[in-house]
């Protein structure tokens, strides 16, 4: 795992390019630590998640599997691995910074789940999105994917993709709404442009907006969500950023 800071933007790079960044238990722990470090950095305003080499992530490394049980119950061991992997997607949603996934090459299985847990996804034209775990006798709903995908592209389309285990091209992913755009050879560059634009906004406003977006898909009713919006706007109205903005508008009106 590589962590690189460029001003208010932190780039986390899955760094196992010789295996197309196929996920191992060690990588899960490294990514968890990196997300903790980045989200806890006071100057970090936006996080970009990407992969080194020819692809973003080719899914679980099937040669390694869930790791060596070392004589322990295989069921218990595999469950602990899935718990640690699930914490990654939970953290991607719960941290205050927006997360942009810059995707290229294979984006498969747990790689799709990581991308789906990001707030925004931008793909290179080389990206392909594989949902083939169901072909191996496993559930396609891994690490939050069966939660995120229906909310991103709709339940019927998600069902068709997950039941068949097919692969989407970058263009198909854009058409379905899984990614917001396809950049020919420049997904990471576009992610940096967007991250810089977001980082220029007041930090508290972005954090609470992410909270509201999360709440809107977490099962609360419309009335409860309106109450949450009202509370959030009152809090924002008391921030230094909003006070400064009002003063700027007032001085402009007097000019």
C-alpha atoms as a PDB file:
ATOM      1  CA  UNK A   1       0.000   0.000   0.000  1.00  0.00           C
ATOM      2  CA  UNK A   2       1.350   3.412  -0.980  1.00  0.00           C
ATOM      3  CA  UNK A   3       0.195   6.653   0.628  1.00  0.00           C
ATOM      4  CA  UNK A   4       1.023   9.955  -1.050  1.00  0.00           C
ATOM      5  CA  UNK A   5      -0.100  13.395   0.081  1.00  0.00           C
ATOM      6  CA  UNK A   6      -0.421  16.283  -2.331  1.00  0.00           C
ATOM      7  CA  UNK A   7      -1.660  19.273  -0.369  1.00  0.00           C
ATOM      8  CA  UNK A   8      -5.185  18.542   0.875  1.00  0.00           C
ATOM      9  CA  UNK A   9      -5.503  15.392  -1.265  1.00  0.00           C
ATOM     10  CA  UNK A  10      -4.225  11.983  -0.159  1.00  0.00           C
ATOM     11  CA  UNK A  11      -3.773   9.207  -2.708  1.00  0.00           C
ATOM     12  CA  UNK A  12      -3.949   5.612  -1.493  1.00  0.00           C
ATOM     13  CA  UNK A  13      -2.575   3.152  -4.045  1.00  0.00           C
ATOM     14  CA  UNK A  14      -3.083  -0.597  -3.915  1.00  0.00           C
ATOM     15  CA  UNK A  15       0.473  -1.700  -4.575  1.00  0.00           C
ATOM     16  CA  UNK A  16       0.748  -5.308  -5.681  1.00  0.00           C
ATOM     17  CA  UNK A  17       0.966  -4.738  -9.442  1.00  0.00           C
ATOM     18  CA  UNK A  18       2.593  -8.100 -10.206  1.00  0.00           C
ATOM     19  CA  UNK A  19      -0.744  -9.703  -9.201  1.00  0.00           C
ATOM     20  CA  UNK A  20      -2.966  -6.929 -10.574  1.00  0.00           C
ATOM     21  CA  UNK A  21      -3.421  -5.843  -6.936  1.00  0.00           C
ATOM     22  CA  UNK A  22      -5.221  -9.072  -6.036  1.00  0.00           C
ATOM     23  CA  UNK A  23      -6.268  -8.813  -2.404  1.00  0.00           C
ATOM     24  CA  UNK A  24      -4.628 -10.744   0.412  1.00  0.00           C
ATOM     25  CA  UNK A  25      -5.263 -10.575   4.171  1.00  0.00           C
ATOM     26  CA  UNK A  26      -2.088  -8.504   4.525  1.00  0.00           C
ATOM     27  CA  UNK A  27      -3.356  -5.963   1.974  1.00  0.00           C
ATOM     28  CA  UNK A  28      -6.631  -5.637   3.868  1.00  0.00           C
ATOM     29  CA  UNK A  29      -4.775  -4.712   7.051  1.00  0.00           C
ATOM     30  CA  UNK A  30      -2.500  -2.302   5.162  1.00  0.00           C
ATOM     31  CA  UNK A  31      -5.469  -0.548   3.559  1.00  0.00           C
ATOM     32  CA  UNK A  32      -7.259  -0.312   6.909  1.00  0.00           C
ATOM     33  CA  UNK A  33      -4.184   1.296   8.483  1.00  0.00           C
ATOM     34  CA  UNK A  34      -3.712   3.655   5.522  1.00  0.00           C
ATOM     35  CA  UNK A  35      -7.336   4.815   5.636  1.00  0.00           C
ATOM     36  CA  UNK A  36      -6.990   5.413   9.361  1.00  0.00           C
ATOM     37  CA  UNK A  37      -3.825   7.458   8.862  1.00  0.00           C
ATOM     38  CA  UNK A  38      -5.275   9.485   5.973  1.00  0.00           C
ATOM     39  CA  UNK A  39      -8.638  10.205   7.570  1.00  0.00           C
ATOM     40  CA  UNK A  40      -6.968  11.238  10.804  1.00  0.00           C
ATOM     41  CA  UNK A  41      -4.627  13.720   9.102  1.00  0.00           C
ATOM     42  CA  UNK A  42      -5.935  17.253   9.851  1.00  0.00           C
ATOM     43  CA  UNK A  43      -4.925  18.596   6.428  1.00  0.00           C
ATOM     44  CA  UNK A  44      -6.519  15.763   4.429  1.00  0.00           C
ATOM     45  CA  UNK A  45      -9.685  16.971   2.694  1.00  0.00           C
ATOM     46  CA  UNK A  46     -10.201  14.360  -0.042  1.00  0.00           C
ATOM     47  CA  UNK A  47      -8.946  10.791  -0.555  1.00  0.00           C
ATOM     48  CA  UNK A  48      -8.280   9.176  -3.938  1.00  0.00           C
ATOM     49  CA  UNK A  49      -8.162   5.374  -4.083  1.00  0.00           C
ATOM     50  CA  UNK A  50      -6.409   3.793  -7.053  1.00  0.00           C
ATOM     51  CA  UNK A  51      -4.201   0.857  -8.047  1.00  0.00           C
ATOM     52  CA  UNK A  52      -0.616   0.508  -9.241  1.00  0.00           C
ATOM     53  CA  UNK A  53       0.288  -1.054 -12.567  1.00  0.00           C
ATOM     54  CA  UNK A  54      -2.182  -2.351 -15.149  1.00  0.00           C
ATOM     55  CA  UNK A  55      -5.306  -2.589 -13.018  1.00  0.00           C
ATOM     56  CA  UNK A  56      -7.163  -1.339  -9.993  1.00  0.00           C
ATOM     57  CA  UNK A  57      -7.833  -4.675  -8.288  1.00  0.00           C
ATOM     58  CA  UNK A  58      -8.374  -8.168  -9.707  1.00  0.00           C
ATOM     59  CA  UNK A  59     -10.321  -9.360  -6.662  1.00  0.00           C
ATOM     60  CA  UNK A  60      -9.355 -11.852  -3.991  1.00  0.00           C
ATOM     61  CA  UNK A  61      -6.039 -13.601  -4.655  1.00  0.00           C
ATOM     62  CA  UNK A  62      -7.377 -17.156  -5.017  1.00  0.00           C
ATOM     63  CA  UNK A  63      -3.880 -18.626  -4.617  1.00  0.00           C
ATOM     64  CA  UNK A  64      -3.693 -17.126  -1.132  1.00  0.00           C
ATOM     65  CA  UNK A  65      -7.413 -17.335  -0.386  1.00  0.00           C
ATOM     66  CA  UNK A  66      -8.385 -16.250   3.090  1.00  0.00           C
ATOM     67  CA  UNK A  67      -4.909 -17.015   4.426  1.00  0.00           C
ATOM     68  CA  UNK A  68      -3.510 -19.992   6.355  1.00  0.00           C
ATOM     69  CA  UNK A  69      -5.846 -21.104   9.160  1.00  0.00           C
ATOM     70  CA  UNK A  70      -2.763 -22.471  11.030  1.00  0.00           C
ATOM     71  CA  UNK A  71      -4.743 -25.251  12.618  1.00  0.00           C
ATOM     72  CA  UNK A  72      -7.683 -23.070  13.612  1.00  0.00           C
ATOM     73  CA  UNK A  73     -11.264 -23.596  12.475  1.00  0.00           C
ATOM     74  CA  UNK A  74     -11.356 -22.695   8.789  1.00  0.00           C
ATOM     75  CA  UNK A  75     -14.887 -21.313   9.121  1.00  0.00           C
ATOM     76  CA  UNK A  76     -13.887 -19.085  12.051  1.00  0.00           C
ATOM     77  CA  UNK A  77     -10.720 -17.963  10.279  1.00  0.00           C
ATOM     78  CA  UNK A  78     -12.526 -17.119   7.044  1.00  0.00           C
ATOM     79  CA  UNK A  79     -15.179 -15.259   9.007  1.00  0.00           C
ATOM     80  CA  UNK A  80     -12.524 -13.139  10.703  1.00  0.00           C
ATOM     81  CA  UNK A  81     -11.015 -12.335   7.308  1.00  0.00           C
ATOM     82  CA  UNK A  82     -14.397 -11.238   5.970  1.00  0.00           C
ATOM     83  CA  UNK A  83     -14.916  -9.115   9.094  1.00  0.00           C
ATOM     84  CA  UNK A  84     -11.637  -7.299   8.452  1.00  0.00           C
ATOM     85  CA  UNK A  85     -12.500  -6.801   4.760  1.00  0.00           C
ATOM     86  CA  UNK A  86     -15.949  -5.493   5.645  1.00  0.00           C
ATOM     87  CA  UNK A  87     -14.409  -2.936   8.003  1.00  0.00           C
ATOM     88  CA  UNK A  88     -12.710  -1.360   4.968  1.00  0.00           C
ATOM     89  CA  UNK A  89     -15.990  -0.573   3.213  1.00  0.00           C
ATOM     90  CA  UNK A  90     -17.498   0.601   6.494  1.00  0.00           C
ATOM     91  CA  UNK A  91     -14.544   2.944   6.990  1.00  0.00           C
ATOM     92  CA  UNK A  92     -14.755   4.270   3.420  1.00  0.00           C
ATOM     93  CA  UNK A  93     -18.341   5.324   4.171  1.00  0.00           C
ATOM     94  CA  UNK A  94     -17.835   6.604   7.722  1.00  0.00           C
ATOM     95  CA  UNK A  95     -14.757   8.795   7.316  1.00  0.00           C
ATOM     96  CA  UNK A  96     -15.439  12.491   6.895  1.00  0.00           C
ATOM     97  CA  UNK A  97     -13.474  12.921   3.678  1.00  0.00           C
ATOM     98  CA  UNK A  98     -15.036  12.205   0.276  1.00  0.00           C
ATOM     99  CA  UNK A  99     -13.402   9.226  -1.438  1.00  0.00           C
ATOM    100  CA  UNK A 100     -12.877   9.196  -5.201  1.00  0.00           C
ATOM    101  CA  UNK A 101     -12.015   5.866  -6.845  1.00  0.00           C
ATOM    102  CA  UNK A 102      -9.829   6.244  -9.950  1.00  0.00           C
ATOM    103  CA  UNK A 103     -10.262   2.968 -11.836  1.00  0.00           C
ATOM    104  CA  UNK A 104      -8.377   1.305 -14.673  1.00  0.00           C
ATOM    105  CA  UNK A 105      -7.866  -2.203 -15.993  1.00  0.00           C
ATOM    106  CA  UNK A 106      -9.486  -5.070 -14.075  1.00  0.00           C
ATOM    107  CA  UNK A 107     -11.894  -4.045 -11.302  1.00  0.00           C
ATOM    108  CA  UNK A 108     -13.109  -7.401 -10.013  1.00  0.00           C
ATOM    109  CA  UNK A 109     -14.932  -8.839  -6.995  1.00  0.00           C
ATOM    110  CA  UNK A 110     -13.718  -7.148  -3.842  1.00  0.00           C
ATOM    111  CA  UNK A 111     -12.207  -4.489  -6.129  1.00  0.00           C
ATOM    112  CA  UNK A 112     -15.698  -3.595  -7.353  1.00  0.00           C
ATOM    113  CA  UNK A 113     -16.892  -3.540  -3.737  1.00  0.00           C
ATOM    114  CA  UNK A 114     -14.127  -1.096  -2.749  1.00  0.00           C
ATOM    115  CA  UNK A 115     -14.979   1.105  -5.725  1.00  0.00           C
ATOM    116  CA  UNK A 116     -18.693   0.954  -4.923  1.00  0.00           C
ATOM    117  CA  UNK A 117     -17.998   2.048  -1.347  1.00  0.00           C
ATOM    118  CA  UNK A 118     -16.278   5.195  -2.621  1.00  0.00           C
ATOM    119  CA  UNK A 119     -18.358   8.356  -2.979  1.00  0.00           C
ATOM    120  CA  UNK A 120     -17.416   8.934  -6.630  1.00  0.00           C
ATOM    121  CA  UNK A 121     -16.033   6.594  -9.286  1.00  0.00           C
ATOM    122  CA  UNK A 122     -14.113   7.677 -12.393  1.00  0.00           C
ATOM    123  CA  UNK A 123     -12.968   5.055 -14.910  1.00  0.00           C
ATOM    124  CA  UNK A 124     -10.319   4.854 -17.569  1.00  0.00           C
ATOM    125  CA  UNK A 125     -11.477   3.444 -20.894  1.00  0.00           C
ATOM    126  CA  UNK A 126      -9.387   0.339 -20.108  1.00  0.00           C
ATOM    127  CA  UNK A 127     -11.457  -0.480 -17.016  1.00  0.00           C
ATOM    128  CA  UNK A 128     -13.602  -3.607 -16.907  1.00  0.00           C
ATOM    129  CA  UNK A 129     -15.871  -4.534 -14.001  1.00  0.00           C
ATOM    130  CA  UNK A 130     -16.061  -8.224 -13.130  1.00  0.00           C
ATOM    131  CA  UNK A 131     -18.729  -9.785 -10.911  1.00  0.00           C
ATOM    132  CA  UNK A 132     -17.728 -13.419 -11.369  1.00  0.00           C
ATOM    133  CA  UNK A 133     -17.580 -14.725  -7.787  1.00  0.00           C
ATOM    134  CA  UNK A 134     -21.006 -16.312  -8.230  1.00  0.00           C
ATOM    135  CA  UNK A 135     -19.483 -18.455 -10.978  1.00  0.00           C
ATOM    136  CA  UNK A 136     -17.135 -19.953  -8.364  1.00  0.00           C
ATOM    137  CA  UNK A 137     -19.933 -20.978  -6.035  1.00  0.00           C
ATOM    138  CA  UNK A 138     -19.566 -17.928  -3.801  1.00  0.00           C
ATOM    139  CA  UNK A 139     -22.042 -15.142  -3.166  1.00  0.00           C
ATOM    140  CA  UNK A 140     -21.629 -12.101  -5.384  1.00  0.00           C
ATOM    141  CA  UNK A 141     -22.621  -9.975  -2.396  1.00  0.00           C
ATOM    142  CA  UNK A 142     -19.182  -9.571  -0.877  1.00  0.00           C
ATOM    143  CA  UNK A 143     -17.903  -6.773   1.340  1.00  0.00           C
ATOM    144  CA  UNK A 144     -21.019  -4.650   0.962  1.00  0.00           C
ATOM    145  CA  UNK A 145     -21.437  -4.998  -2.798  1.00  0.00           C
ATOM    146  CA  UNK A 146     -25.021  -6.307  -2.607  1.00  0.00           C
ATOM    147  CA  UNK A 147     -25.877  -3.227  -0.503  1.00  0.00           C
ATOM    148  CA  UNK A 148     -24.145  -0.606  -2.626  1.00  0.00           C
ATOM    149  CA  UNK A 149     -24.795  -1.830  -6.160  1.00  0.00           C
ATOM    150  CA  UNK A 150     -28.634  -1.723  -6.103  1.00  0.00           C
ATOM    151  CA  UNK A 151     -28.486   1.774  -4.619  1.00  0.00           C
ATOM    152  CA  UNK A 152     -26.076   2.955  -7.311  1.00  0.00           C
ATOM    153  CA  UNK A 153     -27.540   1.382 -10.457  1.00  0.00           C
ATOM    154  CA  UNK A 154     -30.982   0.151  -9.346  1.00  0.00           C
ATOM    155  CA  UNK A 155     -32.123  -3.240  -7.988  1.00  0.00           C
ATOM    156  CA  UNK A 156     -33.179  -4.896 -11.245  1.00  0.00           C
ATOM    157  CA  UNK A 157     -29.982  -4.061 -13.094  1.00  0.00           C
ATOM    158  CA  UNK A 158     -27.904  -5.073 -10.074  1.00  0.00           C
ATOM    159  CA  UNK A 159     -29.766  -8.394  -9.899  1.00  0.00           C
ATOM    160  CA  UNK A 160     -29.094  -9.138 -13.570  1.00  0.00           C
ATOM    161  CA  UNK A 161     -25.376  -8.416 -13.208  1.00  0.00           C
ATOM    162  CA  UNK A 162     -24.886 -10.272  -9.930  1.00  0.00           C
ATOM    163  CA  UNK A 163     -26.964 -13.317 -10.934  1.00  0.00           C
ATOM    164  CA  UNK A 164     -25.121 -13.763 -14.234  1.00  0.00           C
ATOM    165  CA  UNK A 165     -21.673 -12.832 -12.936  1.00  0.00           C
ATOM    166  CA  UNK A 166     -20.901 -10.982 -16.137  1.00  0.00           C
ATOM    167  CA  UNK A 167     -18.292  -8.327 -16.840  1.00  0.00           C
ATOM    168  CA  UNK A 168     -19.097  -4.724 -17.717  1.00  0.00           C
ATOM    169  CA  UNK A 169     -16.993  -2.557 -19.997  1.00  0.00           C
ATOM    170  CA  UNK A 170     -16.175   0.975 -18.891  1.00  0.00           C
ATOM    171  CA  UNK A 171     -18.813   2.305 -21.286  1.00  0.00           C
ATOM    172  CA  UNK A 172     -21.440  -0.074 -19.874  1.00  0.00           C
ATOM    173  CA  UNK A 173     -20.500   0.943 -16.332  1.00  0.00           C
ATOM    174  CA  UNK A 174     -20.948   4.599 -17.257  1.00  0.00           C
ATOM    175  CA  UNK A 175     -24.293   3.906 -18.923  1.00  0.00           C
ATOM    176  CA  UNK A 176     -25.477   2.027 -15.818  1.00  0.00           C
ATOM    177  CA  UNK A 177     -24.401   4.889 -13.556  1.00  0.00           C
ATOM    178  CA  UNK A 178     -21.692   2.920 -11.777  1.00  0.00           C
ATOM    179  CA  UNK A 179     -19.079   5.495 -12.808  1.00  0.00           C
ATOM    180  CA  UNK A 180     -19.641   9.193 -13.464  1.00  0.00           C
ATOM    181  CA  UNK A 181     -17.338   9.341 -16.469  1.00  0.00           C
ATOM    182  CA  UNK A 182     -14.839   7.482 -18.631  1.00  0.00           C
ATOM    183  CA  UNK A 183     -11.532   9.226 -19.210  1.00  0.00           C
ATOM    184  CA  UNK A 184      -9.268   7.890 -21.940  1.00  0.00           C
ATOM    185  CA  UNK A 185      -5.984   7.263 -20.125  1.00  0.00           C
ATOM    186  CA  UNK A 186      -6.613  10.021 -17.577  1.00  0.00           C
ATOM    187  CA  UNK A 187      -8.872   8.732 -14.806  1.00  0.00           C
ATOM    188  CA  UNK A 188      -6.355   9.583 -12.081  1.00  0.00           C
ATOM    189  CA  UNK A 189      -5.742  13.048 -13.503  1.00  0.00           C
ATOM    190  CA  UNK A 190      -9.476  13.730 -13.609  1.00  0.00           C
ATOM    191  CA  UNK A 191      -9.785  12.421 -10.040  1.00  0.00           C
ATOM    192  CA  UNK A 192      -7.124  14.937  -8.952  1.00  0.00           C
ATOM    193  CA  UNK A 193      -8.982  17.776 -10.689  1.00  0.00           C
ATOM    194  CA  UNK A 194     -12.229  16.859  -8.981  1.00  0.00           C
ATOM    195  CA  UNK A 195     -10.501  16.352  -5.631  1.00  0.00           C
ATOM    196  CA  UNK A 196      -8.959  19.828  -5.862  1.00  0.00           C
ATOM    197  CA  UNK A 197     -12.358  21.334  -6.604  1.00  0.00           C
ATOM    198  CA  UNK A 198     -13.931  19.566  -3.599  1.00  0.00           C
ATOM    199  CA  UNK A 199     -10.993  20.429  -1.333  1.00  0.00           C
ATOM    200  CA  UNK A 200     -11.555  24.113  -2.084  1.00  0.00           C
ATOM    201  CA  UNK A 201     -14.977  23.954  -0.405  1.00  0.00           C
ATOM    202  CA  UNK A 202     -15.454  24.488   3.362  1.00  0.00           C
ATOM    203  CA  UNK A 203     -14.380  21.288   5.124  1.00  0.00           C
ATOM    204  CA  UNK A 204     -17.292  21.076   7.568  1.00  0.00           C
ATOM    205  CA  UNK A 205     -19.818  21.548   4.775  1.00  0.00           C
ATOM    206  CA  UNK A 206     -18.345  18.631   2.841  1.00  0.00           C
ATOM    207  CA  UNK A 207     -18.220  16.374   5.909  1.00  0.00           C
ATOM    208  CA  UNK A 208     -21.845  16.913   6.894  1.00  0.00           C
ATOM    209  CA  UNK A 209     -22.987  16.645   3.271  1.00  0.00           C
ATOM    210  CA  UNK A 210     -21.370  13.201   3.110  1.00  0.00           C
ATOM    211  CA  UNK A 211     -23.200  12.303   6.330  1.00  0.00           C
ATOM    212  CA  UNK A 212     -26.511  13.346   4.756  1.00  0.00           C
ATOM    213  CA  UNK A 213     -25.835  11.401   1.568  1.00  0.00           C
ATOM    214  CA  UNK A 214     -25.067   8.312   3.653  1.00  0.00           C
ATOM    215  CA  UNK A 215     -28.189   8.790   5.749  1.00  0.00           C
ATOM    216  CA  UNK A 216     -30.356   9.086   2.634  1.00  0.00           C
ATOM    217  CA  UNK A 217     -29.562   5.480   1.665  1.00  0.00           C
ATOM    218  CA  UNK A 218     -29.463   3.935   5.135  1.00  0.00           C
ATOM    219  CA  UNK A 219     -33.181   3.352   5.569  1.00  0.00           C
ATOM    220  CA  UNK A 220     -34.353   6.453   7.424  1.00  0.00           C
ATOM    221  CA  UNK A 221     -37.755   7.772   6.382  1.00  0.00           C
ATOM    222  CA  UNK A 222     -38.290  11.071   4.581  1.00  0.00           C
ATOM    223  CA  UNK A 223     -39.479  12.879   7.730  1.00  0.00           C
ATOM    224  CA  UNK A 224     -36.442  11.696   9.696  1.00  0.00           C
ATOM    225  CA  UNK A 225     -34.149  12.781   6.901  1.00  0.00           C
ATOM    226  CA  UNK A 226     -35.713  16.256   6.804  1.00  0.00           C
ATOM    227  CA  UNK A 227     -35.043  16.573  10.539  1.00  0.00           C
ATOM    228  CA  UNK A 228     -31.417  15.573   9.965  1.00  0.00           C
ATOM    229  CA  UNK A 229     -31.092  18.141   7.167  1.00  0.00           C
ATOM    230  CA  UNK A 230     -32.513  20.887   9.371  1.00  0.00           C
ATOM    231  CA  UNK A 231     -30.145  20.056  12.221  1.00  0.00           C
ATOM    232  CA  UNK A 232     -27.179  19.993   9.860  1.00  0.00           C
ATOM    233  CA  UNK A 233     -27.994  23.353   8.280  1.00  0.00           C
ATOM    234  CA  UNK A 234     -28.296  24.971  11.711  1.00  0.00           C
ATOM    235  CA  UNK A 235     -24.857  23.629  12.637  1.00  0.00           C
ATOM    236  CA  UNK A 236     -23.387  24.872   9.359  1.00  0.00           C
ATOM    237  CA  UNK A 237     -24.897  28.321   9.917  1.00  0.00           C
ATOM    238  CA  UNK A 238     -22.737  28.670  13.027  1.00  0.00           C
ATOM    239  CA  UNK A 239     -19.405  27.900  11.356  1.00  0.00           C
ATOM    240  CA  UNK A 240     -16.653  30.420  10.608  1.00  0.00           C
ATOM    241  CA  UNK A 241     -16.845  29.570   6.914  1.00  0.00           C
ATOM    242  CA  UNK A 242     -20.505  30.548   6.693  1.00  0.00           C
ATOM    243  CA  UNK A 243     -19.939  33.748   8.673  1.00  0.00           C
ATOM    244  CA  UNK A 244     -17.103  34.695   6.309  1.00  0.00           C
ATOM    245  CA  UNK A 245     -19.272  33.934   3.284  1.00  0.00           C
ATOM    246  CA  UNK A 246     -22.040  36.200   4.591  1.00  0.00           C
ATOM    247  CA  UNK A 247     -19.518  38.978   5.165  1.00  0.00           C
ATOM    248  CA  UNK A 248     -18.226  38.600   1.601  1.00  0.00           C
ATOM    249  CA  UNK A 249     -21.742  38.869   0.192  1.00  0.00           C
ATOM    250  CA  UNK A 250     -22.522  41.844   2.404  1.00  0.00           C
ATOM    251  CA  UNK A 251     -19.394  43.699   1.310  1.00  0.00           C
ATOM    252  CA  UNK A 252     -20.176  42.933  -2.340  1.00  0.00           C
ATOM    253  CA  UNK A 253     -23.694  44.373  -1.942  1.00  0.00           C
ATOM    254  CA  UNK A 254     -22.302  47.557  -0.356  1.00  0.00           C
ATOM    255  CA  UNK A 255     -19.763  48.063  -3.143  1.00  0.00           C
END
